[in-house]
Amino acid sequence: LSILVIGFLSFVIRPSTFLQFGGL
C-alpha cells in the first residue's frame, strides 16, 4: 500500500513525470 500511495502522490504532484518515460 505504501508503494501505491507514494506512486499516486507522485503522479498528483507531478503528472508530467509519466510522459518522460518511453513506450515500453
PDB file of all heavy atoms in Angstrom:
ATOM      1  N   LEU A   1       0.825  -1.209   0.000  1.00  0.00           N
ATOM      2  CA  LEU A   1       0.000   0.000   0.000  1.00  0.00           C
ATOM      3  C   LEU A   1       0.859   1.259   0.000  1.00  0.00           C
ATOM      4  O   LEU A   1       0.510   2.261  -0.631  1.00  0.00           O
ATOM      5  CB  LEU A   1      -0.927   0.001   1.219  1.00  0.00           C
ATOM      6  CG  LEU A   1      -2.097  -0.990   1.174  1.00  0.00           C
ATOM      7  CD1 LEU A   1      -2.829  -1.008   2.510  1.00  0.00           C
ATOM      8  CD2 LEU A   1      -3.057  -0.653   0.040  1.00  0.00           C
ATOM      9  N   SER A   2       1.996   1.214   0.687  1.00  0.00           N
ATOM     10  CA  SER A   2       2.877   2.388   0.734  1.00  0.00           C
ATOM     11  C   SER A   2       3.446   2.695  -0.646  1.00  0.00           C
ATOM     12  O   SER A   2       3.591   3.866  -1.033  1.00  0.00           O
ATOM     13  CB  SER A   2       4.012   2.169   1.746  1.00  0.00           C
ATOM     14  OG  SER A   2       4.935   1.193   1.298  1.00  0.00           O
ATOM     15  N   ILE A   3       3.772   1.660  -1.427  1.00  0.00           N
ATOM     16  CA  ILE A   3       4.254   1.865  -2.795  1.00  0.00           C
ATOM     17  C   ILE A   3       3.183   2.539  -3.645  1.00  0.00           C
ATOM     18  O   ILE A   3       3.455   3.488  -4.396  1.00  0.00           O
ATOM     19  CB  ILE A   3       4.662   0.521  -3.434  1.00  0.00           C
ATOM     20  CG1 ILE A   3       5.890  -0.050  -2.723  1.00  0.00           C
ATOM     21  CG2 ILE A   3       4.953   0.690  -4.923  1.00  0.00           C
ATOM     22  CD1 ILE A   3       6.271  -1.442  -3.195  1.00  0.00           C
ATOM     23  N   LEU A   4       1.940   2.074  -3.503  1.00  0.00           N
ATOM     24  CA  LEU A   4       0.838   2.646  -4.277  1.00  0.00           C
ATOM     25  C   LEU A   4       0.558   4.093  -3.863  1.00  0.00           C
ATOM     26  O   LEU A   4       0.314   4.949  -4.716  1.00  0.00           O
ATOM     27  CB  LEU A   4      -0.420   1.798  -4.083  1.00  0.00           C
ATOM     28  CG  LEU A   4      -0.406   0.421  -4.769  1.00  0.00           C
ATOM     29  CD1 LEU A   4      -1.602  -0.397  -4.321  1.00  0.00           C
ATOM     30  CD2 LEU A   4      -0.401   0.579  -6.287  1.00  0.00           C
ATOM     31  N   VAL A   5       0.600   4.368  -2.563  1.00  0.00           N
ATOM     32  CA  VAL A   5       0.328   5.723  -2.073  1.00  0.00           C
ATOM     33  C   VAL A   5       1.395   6.697  -2.563  1.00  0.00           C
ATOM     34  O   VAL A   5       1.083   7.799  -3.045  1.00  0.00           O
ATOM     35  CB  VAL A   5       0.243   5.741  -0.531  1.00  0.00           C
ATOM     36  CG1 VAL A   5       0.243   7.182  -0.011  1.00  0.00           C
ATOM     37  CG2 VAL A   5      -1.016   5.020  -0.066  1.00  0.00           C
ATOM     38  N   ILE A   6       2.666   6.300  -2.455  1.00  0.00           N
ATOM     39  CA  ILE A   6       3.747   7.175  -2.922  1.00  0.00           C
ATOM     40  C   ILE A   6       3.643   7.389  -4.430  1.00  0.00           C
ATOM     41  O   ILE A   6       3.824   8.506  -4.936  1.00  0.00           O
ATOM     42  CB  ILE A   6       5.123   6.582  -2.552  1.00  0.00           C
ATOM     43  CG1 ILE A   6       5.324   6.646  -1.035  1.00  0.00           C
ATOM     44  CG2 ILE A   6       6.249   7.335  -3.256  1.00  0.00           C
ATOM     45  CD1 ILE A   6       6.605   5.986  -0.555  1.00  0.00           C
ATOM     46  N   GLY A   7       3.331   6.321  -5.172  1.00  0.00           N
ATOM     47  CA  GLY A   7       3.169   6.454  -6.616  1.00  0.00           C
ATOM     48  C   GLY A   7       2.025   7.386  -6.972  1.00  0.00           C
ATOM     49  O   GLY A   7       2.149   8.219  -7.879  1.00  0.00           O
ATOM     50  N   PHE A   8       0.903   7.270  -6.248  1.00  0.00           N
ATOM     51  CA  PHE A   8      -0.257   8.131  -6.506  1.00  0.00           C
ATOM     52  C   PHE A   8       0.064   9.588  -6.188  1.00  0.00           C
ATOM     53  O   PHE A   8      -0.239  10.495  -6.986  1.00  0.00           O
ATOM     54  CB  PHE A   8      -1.445   7.652  -5.669  1.00  0.00           C
ATOM     55  CG  PHE A   8      -2.646   8.560  -5.751  1.00  0.00           C
ATOM     56  CD1 PHE A   8      -3.453   8.571  -6.881  1.00  0.00           C
ATOM     57  CD2 PHE A   8      -2.957   9.413  -4.698  1.00  0.00           C
ATOM     58  CE1 PHE A   8      -4.554   9.415  -6.960  1.00  0.00           C
ATOM     59  CE2 PHE A   8      -4.057  10.260  -4.768  1.00  0.00           C
ATOM     60  CZ  PHE A   8      -4.857  10.264  -5.897  1.00  0.00           C
ATOM     61  N   LEU A   9       0.700   9.826  -5.028  1.00  0.00           N
ATOM     62  CA  LEU A   9       1.050  11.193  -4.648  1.00  0.00           C
ATOM     63  C   LEU A   9       2.051  11.799  -5.627  1.00  0.00           C
ATOM     64  O   LEU A   9       1.966  12.989  -5.960  1.00  0.00           O
ATOM     65  CB  LEU A   9       1.622  11.208  -3.230  1.00  0.00           C
ATOM     66  CG  LEU A   9       0.634  10.896  -2.100  1.00  0.00           C
ATOM     67  CD1 LEU A   9       1.360  10.853  -0.757  1.00  0.00           C
ATOM     68  CD2 LEU A   9      -0.487  11.930  -2.060  1.00  0.00           C
ATOM     69  N   SER A  10       2.974  10.988  -6.099  1.00  0.00           N
ATOM     70  CA  SER A  10       3.958  11.472  -7.074  1.00  0.00           C
ATOM     71  C   SER A  10       3.268  11.893  -8.364  1.00  0.00           C
ATOM     72  O   SER A  10       3.634  12.908  -8.976  1.00  0.00           O
ATOM     73  CB  SER A  10       4.999  10.388  -7.362  1.00  0.00           C
ATOM     74  OG  SER A  10       5.768  10.107  -6.208  1.00  0.00           O
ATOM     75  N   PHE A  11       2.272  11.106  -8.782  1.00  0.00           N
ATOM     76  CA  PHE A  11       1.541  11.452 -10.006  1.00  0.00           C
ATOM     77  C   PHE A  11       0.738  12.738  -9.820  1.00  0.00           C
ATOM     78  O   PHE A  11       0.682  13.579 -10.719  1.00  0.00           O
ATOM     79  CB  PHE A  11       0.600  10.313 -10.397  1.00  0.00           C
ATOM     80  CG  PHE A  11      -0.188  10.585 -11.643  1.00  0.00           C
ATOM     81  CD1 PHE A  11       0.396  10.452 -12.888  1.00  0.00           C
ATOM     82  CD2 PHE A  11      -1.515  10.993 -11.567  1.00  0.00           C
ATOM     83  CE1 PHE A  11      -0.324  10.718 -14.054  1.00  0.00           C
ATOM     84  CE2 PHE A  11      -2.248  11.264 -12.720  1.00  0.00           C
ATOM     85  CZ  PHE A  11      -1.653  11.131 -13.964  1.00  0.00           C
ATOM     86  N   VAL A  12       0.126  12.896  -8.628  1.00  0.00           N
ATOM     87  CA  VAL A  12      -0.657  14.109  -8.353  1.00  0.00           C
ATOM     88  C   VAL A  12       0.249  15.337  -8.325  1.00  0.00           C
ATOM     89  O   VAL A  12      -0.083  16.390  -8.880  1.00  0.00           O
ATOM     90  CB  VAL A  12      -1.413  13.966  -7.017  1.00  0.00           C
ATOM     91  CG1 VAL A  12      -2.039  15.306  -6.602  1.00  0.00           C
ATOM     92  CG2 VAL A  12      -2.496  12.898  -7.132  1.00  0.00           C
ATOM     93  N   ILE A  13       1.415  15.185  -7.677  1.00  0.00           N
ATOM     94  CA  ILE A  13       2.342  16.310  -7.543  1.00  0.00           C
ATOM     95  C   ILE A  13       2.945  16.690  -8.893  1.00  0.00           C
ATOM     96  O   ILE A  13       3.078  17.874  -9.215  1.00  0.00           O
ATOM     97  CB  ILE A  13       3.464  15.958  -6.542  1.00  0.00           C
ATOM     98  CG1 ILE A  13       2.879  15.829  -5.129  1.00  0.00           C
ATOM     99  CG2 ILE A  13       4.562  17.020  -6.561  1.00  0.00           C
ATOM    100  CD1 ILE A  13       3.849  15.265  -4.120  1.00  0.00           C
ATOM    101  N   ARG A  14       3.295  15.652  -9.687  1.00  0.00           N
ATOM    102  CA  ARG A  14       3.960  15.937 -10.960  1.00  0.00           C
ATOM    103  C   ARG A  14       3.537  14.919 -12.017  1.00  0.00           C
ATOM    104  O   ARG A  14       4.284  13.974 -12.337  1.00  0.00           O
ATOM    105  CB  ARG A  14       5.488  15.913 -10.784  1.00  0.00           C
ATOM    106  CG  ARG A  14       6.232  16.612 -11.920  1.00  0.00           C
ATOM    107  CD  ARG A  14       7.721  16.679 -11.637  1.00  0.00           C
ATOM    108  NE  ARG A  14       8.387  17.463 -12.652  1.00  0.00           N
ATOM    109  CZ  ARG A  14       8.712  17.011 -13.875  1.00  0.00           C
ATOM    110  NH1 ARG A  14       8.413  15.764 -14.225  1.00  0.00           N
ATOM    111  NH2 ARG A  14       9.315  17.795 -14.741  1.00  0.00           N
ATOM    112  N   PRO A  15       2.330  15.078 -12.582  1.00  0.00           N
ATOM    113  CA  PRO A  15       1.825  14.113 -13.572  1.00  0.00           C
ATOM    114  C   PRO A  15       2.669  14.042 -14.845  1.00  0.00           C
ATOM    115  O   PRO A  15       2.645  13.026 -15.541  1.00  0.00           O
ATOM    116  CB  PRO A  15       0.410  14.627 -13.873  1.00  0.00           C
ATOM    117  CG  PRO A  15       0.412  16.067 -13.442  1.00  0.00           C
ATOM    118  CD  PRO A  15       1.353  16.138 -12.284  1.00  0.00           C
ATOM    119  N   SER A  16       3.406  15.087 -15.146  1.00  0.00           N
ATOM    120  CA  SER A  16       4.212  15.094 -16.378  1.00  0.00           C
ATOM    121  C   SER A  16       5.378  14.104 -16.319  1.00  0.00           C
ATOM    122  O   SER A  16       5.958  13.772 -17.355  1.00  0.00           O
ATOM    123  CB  SER A  16       4.768  16.504 -16.642  1.00  0.00           C
ATOM    124  OG  SER A  16       5.577  16.938 -15.559  1.00  0.00           O
ATOM    125  N   THR A  17       5.714  13.622 -15.127  1.00  0.00           N
ATOM    126  CA  THR A  17       6.810  12.660 -14.993  1.00  0.00           C
ATOM    127  C   THR A  17       6.558  11.419 -15.841  1.00  0.00           C
ATOM    128  O   THR A  17       7.469  10.887 -16.482  1.00  0.00           O
ATOM    129  CB  THR A  17       6.998  12.249 -13.522  1.00  0.00           C
ATOM    130  OG1 THR A  17       7.430  13.377 -12.768  1.00  0.00           O
ATOM    131  CG2 THR A  17       8.039  11.141 -13.389  1.00  0.00           C
ATOM    132  N   PHE A  18       5.332  10.947 -15.856  1.00  0.00           N
ATOM    133  CA  PHE A  18       4.991   9.737 -16.612  1.00  0.00           C
ATOM    134  C   PHE A  18       5.318   9.899 -18.091  1.00  0.00           C
ATOM    135  O   PHE A  18       5.735   8.938 -18.759  1.00  0.00           O
ATOM    136  CB  PHE A  18       3.503   9.422 -16.416  1.00  0.00           C
ATOM    137  CG  PHE A  18       3.053   8.161 -17.094  1.00  0.00           C
ATOM    138  CD1 PHE A  18       3.427   6.922 -16.606  1.00  0.00           C
ATOM    139  CD2 PHE A  18       2.258   8.216 -18.227  1.00  0.00           C
ATOM    140  CE1 PHE A  18       3.013   5.751 -17.232  1.00  0.00           C
ATOM    141  CE2 PHE A  18       1.835   7.051 -18.867  1.00  0.00           C
ATOM    142  CZ  PHE A  18       2.214   5.814 -18.358  1.00  0.00           C
ATOM    143  N   LEU A  19       5.158  11.117 -18.601  1.00  0.00           N
ATOM    144  CA  LEU A  19       5.402  11.364 -20.020  1.00  0.00           C
ATOM    145  C   LEU A  19       6.885  11.343 -20.369  1.00  0.00           C
ATOM    146  O   LEU A  19       7.238  11.266 -21.556  1.00  0.00           O
ATOM    147  CB  LEU A  19       4.799  12.716 -20.423  1.00  0.00           C
ATOM    148  CG  LEU A  19       3.281  12.865 -20.210  1.00  0.00           C
ATOM    149  CD1 LEU A  19       2.833  14.271 -20.578  1.00  0.00           C
ATOM    150  CD2 LEU A  19       2.519  11.818 -21.028  1.00  0.00           C
ATOM    151  N   GLN A  20       7.755  11.411 -19.361  1.00  0.00           N
ATOM    152  CA  GLN A  20       9.195  11.393 -19.620  1.00  0.00           C
ATOM    153  C   GLN A  20       9.711   9.995 -19.948  1.00  0.00           C
ATOM    154  O   GLN A  20      10.848   9.844 -20.413  1.00  0.00           O
ATOM    155  CB  GLN A  20       9.946  11.952 -18.409  1.00  0.00           C
ATOM    156  CG  GLN A  20       9.682  13.431 -18.162  1.00  0.00           C
ATOM    157  CD  GLN A  20      10.387  13.955 -16.930  1.00  0.00           C
ATOM    158  OE1 GLN A  20       9.804  14.586 -16.065  1.00  0.00           O
ATOM    159  NE2 GLN A  20      11.686  13.709 -16.834  1.00  0.00           N
ATOM    160  N   PHE A  21       8.882   8.994 -19.701  1.00  0.00           N
ATOM    161  CA  PHE A  21       9.279   7.611 -19.993  1.00  0.00           C
ATOM    162  C   PHE A  21       8.892   7.235 -21.420  1.00  0.00           C
ATOM    163  O   PHE A  21       7.944   7.777 -21.991  1.00  0.00           O
ATOM    164  CB  PHE A  21       8.598   6.649 -19.014  1.00  0.00           C
ATOM    165  CG  PHE A  21       9.109   6.727 -17.600  1.00  0.00           C
ATOM    166  CD1 PHE A  21       8.528   7.579 -16.682  1.00  0.00           C
ATOM    167  CD2 PHE A  21      10.173   5.934 -17.190  1.00  0.00           C
ATOM    168  CE1 PHE A  21       8.987   7.650 -15.380  1.00  0.00           C
ATOM    169  CE2 PHE A  21      10.640   5.992 -15.889  1.00  0.00           C
ATOM    170  CZ  PHE A  21      10.052   6.861 -14.986  1.00  0.00           C
ATOM    171  N   GLY A  22       9.635   6.282 -21.976  1.00  0.00           N
ATOM    172  CA  GLY A  22       9.322   5.778 -23.303  1.00  0.00           C
ATOM    173  C   GLY A  22       8.136   4.824 -23.277  1.00  0.00           C
ATOM    174  O   GLY A  22       7.586   4.513 -22.214  1.00  0.00           O
ATOM    175  N   GLY A  23       7.754   4.312 -24.450  1.00  0.00           N
ATOM    176  CA  GLY A  23       6.583   3.455 -24.565  1.00  0.00           C
ATOM    177  C   GLY A  23       6.664   2.191 -23.721  1.00  0.00           C
ATOM    178  O   GLY A  23       5.716   1.849 -22.999  1.00  0.00           O
ATOM    179  N   LEU A  24       7.782   1.459 -23.809  1.00  0.00           N
ATOM    180  CA  LEU A  24       7.934   0.227 -23.038  1.00  0.00           C
ATOM    181  C   LEU A  24       7.925   0.519 -21.545  1.00  0.00           C
ATOM    182  O   LEU A  24       7.315  -0.223 -20.758  1.00  0.00           O
ATOM    183  CB  LEU A  24       9.235  -0.479 -23.430  1.00  0.00           C
ATOM    184  CG  LEU A  24       9.571  -1.758 -22.647  1.00  0.00           C
ATOM    185  CD1 LEU A  24       8.455  -2.792 -22.795  1.00  0.00           C
ATOM    186  CD2 LEU A  24      10.907  -2.335 -23.119  1.00  0.00           C
TER     187      LEU A  24
END
